[in-house]
C-alpha atoms as a PDB file:
ATOM      1  CA  MET A   1     -20.810 115.606 -51.694  1.00  0.00           C
ATOM      2  CA  ASP A   2     -22.127 115.633 -48.127  1.00  0.00           C
ATOM      3  CA  ILE A   3     -20.015 116.317 -45.036  1.00  0.00           C
ATOM      4  CA  ARG A   4     -19.496 112.618 -44.212  1.00  0.00           C
ATOM      5  CA  GLU A   5     -17.947 112.007 -47.626  1.00  0.00           C
ATOM      6  CA  GLN A   6     -15.712 115.059 -47.204  1.00  0.00           C
ATOM      7  CA  VAL A   7     -14.500 113.804 -43.826  1.00  0.00           C
ATOM      8  CA  ARG A   8     -13.752 110.325 -45.205  1.00  0.00           C
ATOM      9  CA  LYS A   9     -11.806 111.751 -48.141  1.00  0.00           C
ATOM     10  CA  HIS A  10      -9.887 114.445 -46.260  1.00  0.00           C
ATOM     11  CA  PRO A  11      -6.668 112.968 -44.784  1.00  0.00           C
ATOM     12  CA  ASP A  12      -6.588 115.322 -41.766  1.00  0.00           C
ATOM     13  CA  LEU A  13     -10.242 114.660 -40.904  1.00  0.00           C
ATOM     14  CA  SER A  14     -10.450 110.919 -41.495  1.00  0.00           C
ATOM     15  CA  GLY A  15      -9.640 110.102 -37.864  1.00  0.00           C
ATOM     16  CA  ILE A  16     -12.616 111.896 -36.387  1.00  0.00           C
ATOM     17  CA  SER A  17     -15.092 109.287 -37.533  1.00  0.00           C
ATOM     18  CA  GLY A  18     -15.615 106.045 -35.689  1.00  0.00           C
ATOM     19  CA  LYS A  19     -15.518 105.440 -31.958  1.00  0.00           C
ATOM     20  CA  GLY A  20     -14.591 108.364 -29.781  1.00  0.00           C
ATOM     21  CA  HIS A  21     -11.209 107.759 -28.200  1.00  0.00           C
ATOM     22  CA  TYR A  22      -9.087 110.480 -26.647  1.00  0.00           C
ATOM     23  CA  LEU A  23      -5.349 111.047 -26.814  1.00  0.00           C
ATOM     24  CA  ILE A  24      -4.480 112.156 -23.277  1.00  0.00           C
ATOM     25  CA  LEU A  25      -1.306 114.091 -22.510  1.00  0.00           C
ATOM     26  CA  HIS A  26      -0.156 113.755 -18.883  1.00  0.00           C
ATOM     27  CA  ASN A  27       1.981 116.152 -16.870  1.00  0.00           C
ATOM     28  CA  ASP A  28       5.543 114.968 -16.277  1.00  0.00           C
ATOM     29  CA  ASP A  29       7.197 118.029 -14.674  1.00  0.00           C
ATOM     30  CA  VAL A  30      10.192 117.448 -16.966  1.00  0.00           C
ATOM     31  CA  HIS A  31       9.584 119.054 -20.349  1.00  0.00           C
ATOM     32  CA  THR A  32       9.339 122.780 -20.991  1.00  0.00           C
ATOM     33  CA  PHE A  33       6.183 124.485 -22.194  1.00  0.00           C
ATOM     34  CA  ASP A  34       7.894 125.288 -25.493  1.00  0.00           C
ATOM     35  CA  TYR A  35       8.848 121.645 -26.029  1.00  0.00           C
ATOM     36  CA  VAL A  36       5.292 120.442 -25.371  1.00  0.00           C
ATOM     37  CA  ILE A  37       3.749 123.179 -27.515  1.00  0.00           C
ATOM     38  CA  THR A  38       6.102 122.485 -30.414  1.00  0.00           C
ATOM     39  CA  SER A  39       5.392 118.758 -30.160  1.00  0.00           C
ATOM     40  CA  LEU A  40       1.623 119.294 -30.238  1.00  0.00           C
ATOM     41  CA  ILE A  41       1.913 121.590 -33.257  1.00  0.00           C
ATOM     42  CA  GLU A  42       4.190 119.187 -35.117  1.00  0.00           C
ATOM     43  CA  ILE A  43       2.490 115.888 -34.320  1.00  0.00           C
ATOM     44  CA  CYS A  44      -1.155 116.690 -33.551  1.00  0.00           C
ATOM     45  CA  LYS A  45      -1.377 119.586 -36.026  1.00  0.00           C
ATOM     46  CA  HIS A  46      -2.590 122.015 -33.341  1.00  0.00           C
ATOM     47  CA  ASP A  47      -2.414 125.728 -33.986  1.00  0.00           C
ATOM     48  CA  VAL A  48      -0.308 127.770 -31.565  1.00  0.00           C
ATOM     49  CA  HIS A  49      -3.220 128.823 -29.357  1.00  0.00           C
ATOM     50  CA  GLN A  50      -4.640 125.316 -29.043  1.00  0.00           C
ATOM     51  CA  ALA A  51      -1.214 123.875 -28.207  1.00  0.00           C
ATOM     52  CA  GLU A  52      -0.613 126.574 -25.579  1.00  0.00           C
ATOM     53  CA  GLN A  53      -3.999 125.959 -23.973  1.00  0.00           C
ATOM     54  CA  CYS A  54      -3.373 122.207 -23.830  1.00  0.00           C
ATOM     55  CA  ALA A  55       0.063 122.750 -22.273  1.00  0.00           C
ATOM     56  CA  TYR A  56      -1.407 124.978 -19.547  1.00  0.00           C
ATOM     57  CA  ILE A  57      -4.263 122.559 -18.849  1.00  0.00           C
ATOM     58  CA  VAL A  58      -1.757 119.708 -18.497  1.00  0.00           C
ATOM     59  CA  HIS A  59       0.370 121.826 -16.174  1.00  0.00           C
ATOM     60  CA  TYR A  60      -2.486 122.888 -13.886  1.00  0.00           C
ATOM     61  CA  LYS A  61      -4.862 119.903 -14.108  1.00  0.00           C
ATOM     62  CA  GLY A  62      -2.370 117.073 -14.620  1.00  0.00           C
ATOM     63  CA  LYS A  63      -3.716 115.906 -17.978  1.00  0.00           C
ATOM     64  CA  CYS A  64      -5.575 117.056 -21.067  1.00  0.00           C
ATOM     65  CA  ASP A  65      -7.282 115.341 -23.972  1.00  0.00           C
ATOM     66  CA  VAL A  66      -5.369 116.774 -26.915  1.00  0.00           C
ATOM     67  CA  LYS A  67      -7.059 114.893 -29.757  1.00  0.00           C
ATOM     68  CA  LYS A  68     -10.218 112.856 -30.359  1.00  0.00           C
ATOM     69  CA  GLY A  69     -10.676 110.157 -32.979  1.00  0.00           C
ATOM     70  CA  SER A  70     -10.514 106.481 -33.727  1.00  0.00           C
ATOM     71  CA  TYR A  71      -7.871 104.349 -32.056  1.00  0.00           C
ATOM     72  CA  ASP A  72      -6.146 103.767 -35.416  1.00  0.00           C
ATOM     73  CA  PHE A  73      -6.011 107.534 -36.027  1.00  0.00           C
ATOM     74  CA  LEU A  74      -4.626 108.352 -32.564  1.00  0.00           C
ATOM     75  CA  HIS A  75      -2.125 105.523 -32.118  1.00  0.00           C
ATOM     76  CA  PRO A  76       0.584 106.896 -34.477  1.00  0.00           C
ATOM     77  CA  MET A  77       0.360 110.284 -32.730  1.00  0.00           C
ATOM     78  CA  LYS A  78       0.654 108.584 -29.341  1.00  0.00           C
ATOM     79  CA  ASP A  79       3.768 106.729 -30.489  1.00  0.00           C
ATOM     80  CA  ARG A  80       5.390 109.883 -31.884  1.00  0.00           C
ATOM     81  CA  LEU A  81       4.663 111.894 -28.730  1.00  0.00           C
ATOM     82  CA  ALA A  82       5.982 109.035 -26.576  1.00  0.00           C
ATOM     83  CA  ASP A  83       9.124 108.890 -28.739  1.00  0.00           C
ATOM     84  CA  LYS A  84       9.662 112.544 -27.819  1.00  0.00           C
ATOM     85  CA  GLY A  85       9.517 111.546 -24.147  1.00  0.00           C
ATOM     86  CA  LEU A  86       6.004 112.802 -23.412  1.00  0.00           C
ATOM     87  CA  SER A  87       3.596 110.798 -21.274  1.00  0.00           C
ATOM     88  CA  VAL A  88       0.492 109.944 -23.344  1.00  0.00           C
ATOM     89  CA  THR A  89      -2.337 107.428 -23.235  1.00  0.00           C
ATOM     90  CA  ILE A  90      -5.408 106.641 -25.309  1.00  0.00           C
ATOM     91  CA  ASP A  91      -8.738 106.377 -23.467  1.00  0.00           C
END
């Protein structure tokens, strides 16, 4: 089985194929670092270090692309993050 077949069959990797869209998290000056980090770990399946880095980038730069994949892969994550009150877009 080649890598493309593995990606298609693996549920956590299936969203990386297709067009390259980005899930962008925007700074809102409302939520705590811990809240954002926990949300990224829970919803985007980031590890602790990746979630922390994204939270700091958002804080200092105003936004950060937290996930790349197809629109269909990213949209449920966008909705869940938005339901938690975070400001997110898909580009």
